[in-house]
Amino acid sequence: MSPSNKIAQVPSPPLIVPPLRDHKTTLIILHGRGSTDEKFAEPLLKHISQGLRETSAFLHDLLKEEIKTIGAKNVVSMGLSQGCAASIVSTLLWKGEPFGALVGMCGYLPFRKGMHDSVEEPEDEDDDASVRSDEDAEDMFEKAVGWLGEELGTCGSVSGEHDQPAMQSIPLFMGHGIDDEKVPCRIGKLAAEFLTTLDVSVTWKEYEGSGHWYSDDMLRDVVEFLENLEA
């Protein structure tokens, strides 16, 4: 068969793992025919899963202690960059009482694509995508977080002792620098959009000139966000 008669296959979107800190090397890895990005990456990413599992367990212990001391509504979890990522993951897996709020700056959602794929269903022409019942949203949440729990090696119902998953009752503020070169703003926005589809209450803000850091405007908005919750 001549080259002109061969059917060109468009490659699927690449699996991109954002760095956890400043990095000096980028690896572009191509898997073999018949394999997939996630299958090939799984052994390489085990250390990431283990780290997130341990971090989540640590944060859960802190949350339990502080909730016991000052009450759930007075506790706020806040993180920057990978700290934001860890805070979101640990809150997705949180089975306790919903706490006051979650604040993420210049961060992202690890394993977003895997969770997204776990809840993605074929579109029905008779369905209105803009209309979703509370049961649908909770079912999507259960599927997504169930997938995340399996990926990280945790177990149990994500709803815990409460009727509704905790994170669906925890307001989330996410701020991101438009010119962030370490964690591109679009990655943070994808996280916010996906969490919104899971019926998480997300406030998303973008900032010019802050790069991969918080700005005065971002901190001002965080304070206003928290004050409005108390009102």
C-alpha atoms as a PDB file:
ATOM      1  CA  MET A   1       0.000   0.000   0.000  1.00  0.00           C
ATOM      2  CA  SER A   2       1.407   3.370  -0.962  1.00  0.00           C
ATOM      3  CA  PRO A   3       1.827   6.045   1.714  1.00  0.00           C
ATOM      4  CA  SER A   4      -0.932   8.086   0.059  1.00  0.00           C
ATOM      5  CA  ASN A   5      -3.431   5.251   0.588  1.00  0.00           C
ATOM      6  CA  LYS A   6      -2.685   4.797   4.270  1.00  0.00           C
ATOM      7  CA  ILE A   7      -5.258   6.112   6.721  1.00  0.00           C
ATOM      8  CA  ALA A   8      -3.774   8.656   9.087  1.00  0.00           C
ATOM      9  CA  GLN A   9      -4.748   8.151  12.694  1.00  0.00           C
ATOM     10  CA  VAL A  10      -5.077  11.208  14.879  1.00  0.00           C
ATOM     11  CA  PRO A  11      -3.431  10.551  18.261  1.00  0.00           C
ATOM     12  CA  SER A  12      -5.532  10.959  21.383  1.00  0.00           C
ATOM     13  CA  PRO A  13      -4.820  13.924  23.684  1.00  0.00           C
ATOM     14  CA  PRO A  14      -1.640  13.385  25.718  1.00  0.00           C
ATOM     15  CA  LEU A  15      -1.625  12.561  29.413  1.00  0.00           C
ATOM     16  CA  ILE A  16       0.089  15.520  31.094  1.00  0.00           C
ATOM     17  CA  VAL A  17       1.255  15.388  34.712  1.00  0.00           C
ATOM     18  CA  PRO A  18       1.957  18.908  36.071  1.00  0.00           C
ATOM     19  CA  PRO A  19       5.176  19.188  38.131  1.00  0.00           C
ATOM     20  CA  LEU A  20       4.879  19.332  41.910  1.00  0.00           C
ATOM     21  CA  ARG A  21       7.739  21.848  42.158  1.00  0.00           C
ATOM     22  CA  ASP A  22      10.195  23.738  39.962  1.00  0.00           C
ATOM     23  CA  HIS A  23      11.509  21.296  37.382  1.00  0.00           C
ATOM     24  CA  LYS A  24      14.544  21.308  35.097  1.00  0.00           C
ATOM     25  CA  THR A  25      13.635  18.345  32.893  1.00  0.00           C
ATOM     26  CA  THR A  26      10.567  17.451  30.842  1.00  0.00           C
ATOM     27  CA  LEU A  27      10.009  13.839  29.769  1.00  0.00           C
ATOM     28  CA  ILE A  28       8.004  13.228  26.595  1.00  0.00           C
ATOM     29  CA  ILE A  29       7.211   9.500  26.675  1.00  0.00           C
ATOM     30  CA  LEU A  30       5.660   7.528  23.809  1.00  0.00           C
ATOM     31  CA  HIS A  31       4.020   4.186  24.576  1.00  0.00           C
ATOM     32  CA  GLY A  32       3.903   1.237  22.214  1.00  0.00           C
ATOM     33  CA  ARG A  33       1.177   0.162  19.824  1.00  0.00           C
ATOM     34  CA  GLY A  34      -1.777  -1.430  21.578  1.00  0.00           C
ATOM     35  CA  SER A  35      -1.100   0.376  24.843  1.00  0.00           C
ATOM     36  CA  THR A  36      -2.685   3.499  26.313  1.00  0.00           C
ATOM     37  CA  ASP A  37      -1.361   6.532  28.115  1.00  0.00           C
ATOM     38  CA  GLU A  38      -2.959   5.599  31.443  1.00  0.00           C
ATOM     39  CA  LYS A  39      -1.876   1.938  31.255  1.00  0.00           C
ATOM     40  CA  PHE A  40       1.702   2.950  30.462  1.00  0.00           C
ATOM     41  CA  ALA A  41       1.781   5.701  33.088  1.00  0.00           C
ATOM     42  CA  GLU A  42       0.294   3.704  35.967  1.00  0.00           C
ATOM     43  CA  PRO A  43       3.600   2.260  37.294  1.00  0.00           C
ATOM     44  CA  LEU A  44       5.253   5.666  36.906  1.00  0.00           C
ATOM     45  CA  LEU A  45       2.503   7.460  38.836  1.00  0.00           C
ATOM     46  CA  LYS A  46       2.206   5.075  41.782  1.00  0.00           C
ATOM     47  CA  HIS A  47       4.377   7.350  43.911  1.00  0.00           C
ATOM     48  CA  ILE A  48       1.974  10.235  43.208  1.00  0.00           C
ATOM     49  CA  SER A  49      -1.002   8.141  44.336  1.00  0.00           C
ATOM     50  CA  GLN A  50       0.819   7.089  47.483  1.00  0.00           C
ATOM     51  CA  GLY A  51       1.795  10.671  48.298  1.00  0.00           C
ATOM     52  CA  LEU A  52      -1.754  11.954  47.851  1.00  0.00           C
ATOM     53  CA  ARG A  53      -3.153   9.105  49.929  1.00  0.00           C
ATOM     54  CA  GLU A  54      -0.768   9.862  52.795  1.00  0.00           C
ATOM     55  CA  THR A  55      -1.330  13.616  52.536  1.00  0.00           C
ATOM     56  CA  SER A  56      -5.107  13.154  52.543  1.00  0.00           C
ATOM     57  CA  ALA A  57      -4.935  10.958  55.642  1.00  0.00           C
ATOM     58  CA  PHE A  58      -2.759  13.563  57.376  1.00  0.00           C
ATOM     59  CA  LEU A  59      -5.134  16.412  56.484  1.00  0.00           C
ATOM     60  CA  HIS A  60      -8.141  14.373  57.586  1.00  0.00           C
ATOM     61  CA  ASP A  61      -6.561  13.924  61.020  1.00  0.00           C
ATOM     62  CA  LEU A  62      -5.968  17.689  61.256  1.00  0.00           C
ATOM     63  CA  LEU A  63      -9.559  18.401  60.235  1.00  0.00           C
ATOM     64  CA  LYS A  64     -10.934  16.018  62.853  1.00  0.00           C
ATOM     65  CA  GLU A  65      -8.902  17.656  65.609  1.00  0.00           C
ATOM     66  CA  GLU A  66      -9.800  21.226  64.647  1.00  0.00           C
ATOM     67  CA  ILE A  67     -13.479  20.422  64.134  1.00  0.00           C
ATOM     68  CA  LYS A  68     -13.518  18.847  67.580  1.00  0.00           C
ATOM     69  CA  THR A  69     -11.883  21.975  69.022  1.00  0.00           C
ATOM     70  CA  ILE A  70     -13.676  24.912  67.346  1.00  0.00           C
ATOM     71  CA  GLY A  71     -16.524  23.415  65.311  1.00  0.00           C
ATOM     72  CA  ALA A  72     -16.751  22.467  61.638  1.00  0.00           C
ATOM     73  CA  LYS A  73     -18.045  25.800  60.311  1.00  0.00           C
ATOM     74  CA  ASN A  74     -15.004  27.596  61.758  1.00  0.00           C
ATOM     75  CA  VAL A  75     -12.466  25.486  59.851  1.00  0.00           C
ATOM     76  CA  VAL A  76     -11.083  26.556  56.459  1.00  0.00           C
ATOM     77  CA  SER A  77      -8.688  24.441  54.384  1.00  0.00           C
ATOM     78  CA  MET A  78      -6.419  26.496  52.119  1.00  0.00           C
ATOM     79  CA  GLY A  79      -3.641  25.586  49.700  1.00  0.00           C
ATOM     80  CA  LEU A  80      -1.345  27.051  47.046  1.00  0.00           C
ATOM     81  CA  SER A  81      -0.159  25.152  43.946  1.00  0.00           C
ATOM     82  CA  GLN A  82       0.280  21.471  44.885  1.00  0.00           C
ATOM     83  CA  GLY A  83      -1.080  22.409  48.307  1.00  0.00           C
ATOM     84  CA  CYS A  84      -4.284  23.415  46.534  1.00  0.00           C
ATOM     85  CA  ALA A  85      -4.324  20.099  44.673  1.00  0.00           C
ATOM     86  CA  ALA A  86      -3.854  18.132  47.894  1.00  0.00           C
ATOM     87  CA  SER A  87      -6.542  20.154  49.688  1.00  0.00           C
ATOM     88  CA  ILE A  88      -9.100  19.506  46.946  1.00  0.00           C
ATOM     89  CA  VAL A  89      -8.350  15.780  46.768  1.00  0.00           C
ATOM     90  CA  SER A  90      -8.476  15.365  50.547  1.00  0.00           C
ATOM     91  CA  THR A  91     -11.802  17.231  50.675  1.00  0.00           C
ATOM     92  CA  LEU A  92     -13.262  15.095  47.891  1.00  0.00           C
ATOM     93  CA  LEU A  93     -12.410  12.061  50.028  1.00  0.00           C
ATOM     94  CA  TRP A  94     -13.520  13.644  53.314  1.00  0.00           C
ATOM     95  CA  LYS A  95     -16.258  11.612  55.032  1.00  0.00           C
ATOM     96  CA  GLY A  96     -16.751  13.791  58.085  1.00  0.00           C
ATOM     97  CA  GLU A  97     -18.881  16.822  58.819  1.00  0.00           C
ATOM     98  CA  PRO A  98     -18.783  19.558  56.144  1.00  0.00           C
ATOM     99  CA  PHE A  99     -16.408  22.307  57.306  1.00  0.00           C
ATOM    100  CA  GLY A 100     -16.458  26.047  56.661  1.00  0.00           C
ATOM    101  CA  ALA A 101     -14.761  26.504  53.304  1.00  0.00           C
ATOM    102  CA  LEU A 102     -11.996  25.458  50.942  1.00  0.00           C
ATOM    103  CA  VAL A 103      -9.621  27.946  49.294  1.00  0.00           C
ATOM    104  CA  GLY A 104      -7.288  27.038  46.428  1.00  0.00           C
ATOM    105  CA  MET A 105      -4.760  29.315  44.733  1.00  0.00           C
ATOM    106  CA  CYS A 106      -2.861  28.600  41.509  1.00  0.00           C
ATOM    107  CA  GLY A 107      -3.732  24.930  41.742  1.00  0.00           C
ATOM    108  CA  TYR A 108      -5.213  22.034  39.816  1.00  0.00           C
ATOM    109  CA  LEU A 109      -7.143  18.803  40.309  1.00  0.00           C
ATOM    110  CA  PRO A 110      -5.023  15.631  40.121  1.00  0.00           C
ATOM    111  CA  PHE A 111      -6.620  12.793  38.132  1.00  0.00           C
ATOM    112  CA  ARG A 112      -9.299  15.142  36.764  1.00  0.00           C
ATOM    113  CA  LYS A 113      -9.339  13.377  33.396  1.00  0.00           C
ATOM    114  CA  GLY A 114      -9.793   9.957  34.971  1.00  0.00           C
ATOM    115  CA  MET A 115     -12.658  11.174  37.137  1.00  0.00           C
ATOM    116  CA  HIS A 116     -14.202  12.960  34.166  1.00  0.00           C
ATOM    117  CA  ASP A 117     -14.061   9.808  32.051  1.00  0.00           C
ATOM    118  CA  SER A 118     -15.602   7.766  34.871  1.00  0.00           C
ATOM    119  CA  VAL A 119     -18.774   9.876  34.832  1.00  0.00           C
ATOM    120  CA  GLU A 120     -18.954  10.642  31.120  1.00  0.00           C
ATOM    121  CA  GLU A 121     -21.979   9.030  29.482  1.00  0.00           C
ATOM    122  CA  PRO A 122     -23.206   8.990  25.850  1.00  0.00           C
ATOM    123  CA  GLU A 123     -25.483  11.929  25.124  1.00  0.00           C
ATOM    124  CA  ASP A 124     -29.187  11.213  24.645  1.00  0.00           C
ATOM    125  CA  GLU A 125     -30.877  13.381  22.035  1.00  0.00           C
ATOM    126  CA  ASP A 126     -33.972  13.590  24.235  1.00  0.00           C
ATOM    127  CA  ASP A 127     -32.004  14.777  27.270  1.00  0.00           C
ATOM    128  CA  ASP A 128     -31.436  18.430  28.081  1.00  0.00           C
ATOM    129  CA  ALA A 129     -27.810  18.736  29.213  1.00  0.00           C
ATOM    130  CA  SER A 130     -28.656  21.944  31.084  1.00  0.00           C
ATOM    131  CA  VAL A 131     -31.120  20.127  33.341  1.00  0.00           C
ATOM    132  CA  ARG A 132     -29.689  17.805  35.971  1.00  0.00           C
ATOM    133  CA  SER A 133     -31.415  16.565  39.095  1.00  0.00           C
ATOM    134  CA  ASP A 134     -29.805  16.529  42.523  1.00  0.00           C
ATOM    135  CA  GLU A 135     -29.781  12.736  42.314  1.00  0.00           C
ATOM    136  CA  ASP A 136     -27.869  12.868  39.018  1.00  0.00           C
ATOM    137  CA  ALA A 137     -25.264  15.234  40.453  1.00  0.00           C
ATOM    138  CA  GLU A 138     -24.814  13.117  43.561  1.00  0.00           C
ATOM    139  CA  ASP A 139     -24.508   9.977  41.440  1.00  0.00           C
ATOM    140  CA  MET A 140     -21.824  11.667  39.329  1.00  0.00           C
ATOM    141  CA  PHE A 141     -20.009  12.700  42.497  1.00  0.00           C
ATOM    142  CA  GLU A 142     -20.126   9.156  43.853  1.00  0.00           C
ATOM    143  CA  LYS A 143     -18.784   7.744  40.583  1.00  0.00           C
ATOM    144  CA  ALA A 144     -15.988  10.295  40.262  1.00  0.00           C
ATOM    145  CA  VAL A 145     -14.827  10.089  43.862  1.00  0.00           C
ATOM    146  CA  GLY A 146     -15.257   6.326  43.878  1.00  0.00           C
ATOM    147  CA  TRP A 147     -12.867   6.176  40.925  1.00  0.00           C
ATOM    148  CA  LEU A 148     -10.455   8.510  42.742  1.00  0.00           C
ATOM    149  CA  GLY A 149     -10.608   6.389  45.872  1.00  0.00           C
ATOM    150  CA  GLU A 150      -9.754   3.251  43.925  1.00  0.00           C
ATOM    151  CA  GLU A 151      -6.897   5.051  42.200  1.00  0.00           C
ATOM    152  CA  LEU A 152      -5.441   6.179  45.535  1.00  0.00           C
ATOM    153  CA  GLY A 153      -6.133   2.901  47.299  1.00  0.00           C
ATOM    154  CA  THR A 154      -8.759   4.204  49.730  1.00  0.00           C
ATOM    155  CA  CYS A 155     -12.111   2.550  50.344  1.00  0.00           C
ATOM    156  CA  GLY A 156     -15.568   3.140  51.770  1.00  0.00           C
ATOM    157  CA  SER A 157     -18.520   5.342  50.883  1.00  0.00           C
ATOM    158  CA  VAL A 158     -17.616   8.930  50.096  1.00  0.00           C
ATOM    159  CA  SER A 159     -20.756  10.098  51.891  1.00  0.00           C
ATOM    160  CA  GLY A 160     -19.584   8.659  55.197  1.00  0.00           C
ATOM    161  CA  GLU A 161     -22.027   9.240  58.054  1.00  0.00           C
ATOM    162  CA  HIS A 162     -23.893  12.030  56.222  1.00  0.00           C
ATOM    163  CA  ASP A 163     -26.620  11.825  53.584  1.00  0.00           C
ATOM    164  CA  GLN A 164     -24.761  14.083  51.147  1.00  0.00           C
ATOM    165  CA  PRO A 165     -21.056  13.991  50.205  1.00  0.00           C
ATOM    166  CA  ALA A 166     -19.311  16.602  52.364  1.00  0.00           C
ATOM    167  CA  MET A 167     -17.704  18.548  49.531  1.00  0.00           C
ATOM    168  CA  GLN A 168     -21.077  19.299  47.955  1.00  0.00           C
ATOM    169  CA  SER A 169     -21.767  21.324  51.113  1.00  0.00           C
ATOM    170  CA  ILE A 170     -18.368  23.050  51.302  1.00  0.00           C
ATOM    171  CA  PRO A 171     -17.986  26.308  49.310  1.00  0.00           C
ATOM    172  CA  LEU A 172     -14.775  26.463  47.278  1.00  0.00           C
ATOM    173  CA  PHE A 173     -12.862  29.560  46.169  1.00  0.00           C
ATOM    174  CA  MET A 174     -10.304  29.108  43.375  1.00  0.00           C
ATOM    175  CA  GLY A 175      -8.043  31.949  42.273  1.00  0.00           C
ATOM    176  CA  HIS A 176      -5.461  31.729  39.491  1.00  0.00           C
ATOM    177  CA  GLY A 177      -2.971  34.011  37.766  1.00  0.00           C
ATOM    178  CA  ILE A 178      -3.642  34.405  34.053  1.00  0.00           C
ATOM    179  CA  ASP A 179       0.113  34.507  33.424  1.00  0.00           C
ATOM    180  CA  ASP A 180       0.925  31.475  35.608  1.00  0.00           C
ATOM    181  CA  GLU A 181       3.705  29.581  33.796  1.00  0.00           C
ATOM    182  CA  LYS A 182       4.023  26.712  36.282  1.00  0.00           C
ATOM    183  CA  VAL A 183       0.369  25.672  36.492  1.00  0.00           C
ATOM    184  CA  PRO A 184      -1.392  27.214  33.466  1.00  0.00           C
ATOM    185  CA  CYS A 185      -4.610  29.038  34.270  1.00  0.00           C
ATOM    186  CA  ARG A 186      -6.596  26.800  31.900  1.00  0.00           C
ATOM    187  CA  ILE A 187      -5.717  23.744  34.027  1.00  0.00           C
ATOM    188  CA  GLY A 188      -7.097  25.429  37.112  1.00  0.00           C
ATOM    189  CA  LYS A 189     -10.200  26.476  35.211  1.00  0.00           C
ATOM    190  CA  LEU A 190     -10.765  22.912  33.985  1.00  0.00           C
ATOM    191  CA  ALA A 191     -10.677  21.791  37.613  1.00  0.00           C
ATOM    192  CA  ALA A 192     -13.229  24.432  38.612  1.00  0.00           C
ATOM    193  CA  GLU A 193     -15.526  23.544  35.720  1.00  0.00           C
ATOM    194  CA  PHE A 194     -15.377  19.822  36.441  1.00  0.00           C
ATOM    195  CA  LEU A 195     -16.057  20.285  40.149  1.00  0.00           C
ATOM    196  CA  THR A 196     -19.044  22.446  39.240  1.00  0.00           C
ATOM    197  CA  THR A 197     -20.503  19.542  37.234  1.00  0.00           C
ATOM    198  CA  LEU A 198     -20.272  17.493  40.445  1.00  0.00           C
ATOM    199  CA  ASP A 199     -22.504  20.073  42.149  1.00  0.00           C
ATOM    200  CA  VAL A 200     -19.657  21.623  44.132  1.00  0.00           C
ATOM    201  CA  SER A 201     -20.182  25.340  44.834  1.00  0.00           C
ATOM    202  CA  VAL A 202     -17.162  26.953  43.131  1.00  0.00           C
ATOM    203  CA  THR A 203     -16.201  30.622  42.958  1.00  0.00           C
ATOM    204  CA  TRP A 204     -13.607  31.066  40.182  1.00  0.00           C
ATOM    205  CA  LYS A 205     -11.451  34.203  39.810  1.00  0.00           C
ATOM    206  CA  GLU A 206      -8.600  35.076  37.430  1.00  0.00           C
ATOM    207  CA  TYR A 207      -5.885  37.671  38.065  1.00  0.00           C
ATOM    208  CA  GLU A 208      -3.444  39.533  35.865  1.00  0.00           C
ATOM    209  CA  GLY A 209       0.199  39.907  36.823  1.00  0.00           C
ATOM    210  CA  SER A 210       0.231  37.494  39.773  1.00  0.00           C
ATOM    211  CA  GLY A 211       2.063  34.642  38.026  1.00  0.00           C
ATOM    212  CA  HIS A 212       2.286  31.487  40.133  1.00  0.00           C
ATOM    213  CA  TRP A 213       1.564  33.274  43.388  1.00  0.00           C
ATOM    214  CA  TYR A 214      -1.166  35.123  45.205  1.00  0.00           C
ATOM    215  CA  SER A 215      -1.713  38.842  44.740  1.00  0.00           C
ATOM    216  CA  ASP A 216      -3.233  41.546  46.926  1.00  0.00           C
ATOM    217  CA  ASP A 217      -6.395  41.355  44.823  1.00  0.00           C
ATOM    218  CA  MET A 218      -6.595  37.588  45.253  1.00  0.00           C
ATOM    219  CA  LEU A 219      -6.171  37.802  49.027  1.00  0.00           C
ATOM    220  CA  ARG A 220      -8.756  40.577  49.160  1.00  0.00           C
ATOM    221  CA  ASP A 221     -11.219  38.365  47.286  1.00  0.00           C
ATOM    222  CA  VAL A 222     -10.476  35.437  49.600  1.00  0.00           C
ATOM    223  CA  VAL A 223     -11.244  37.576  52.649  1.00  0.00           C
ATOM    224  CA  GLU A 224     -14.456  38.848  51.043  1.00  0.00           C
ATOM    225  CA  PHE A 225     -15.439  35.279  50.112  1.00  0.00           C
ATOM    226  CA  LEU A 226     -15.001  34.111  53.706  1.00  0.00           C
ATOM    227  CA  GLU A 227     -16.757  37.155  55.164  1.00  0.00           C
ATOM    228  CA  ASN A 228     -19.760  36.578  52.913  1.00  0.00           C
ATOM    229  CA  LEU A 229     -20.018  33.022  54.205  1.00  0.00           C
ATOM    230  CA  GLU A 230     -20.240  34.321  57.759  1.00  0.00           C
ATOM    231  CA  ALA A 231     -22.916  36.893  56.904  1.00  0.00           C
END
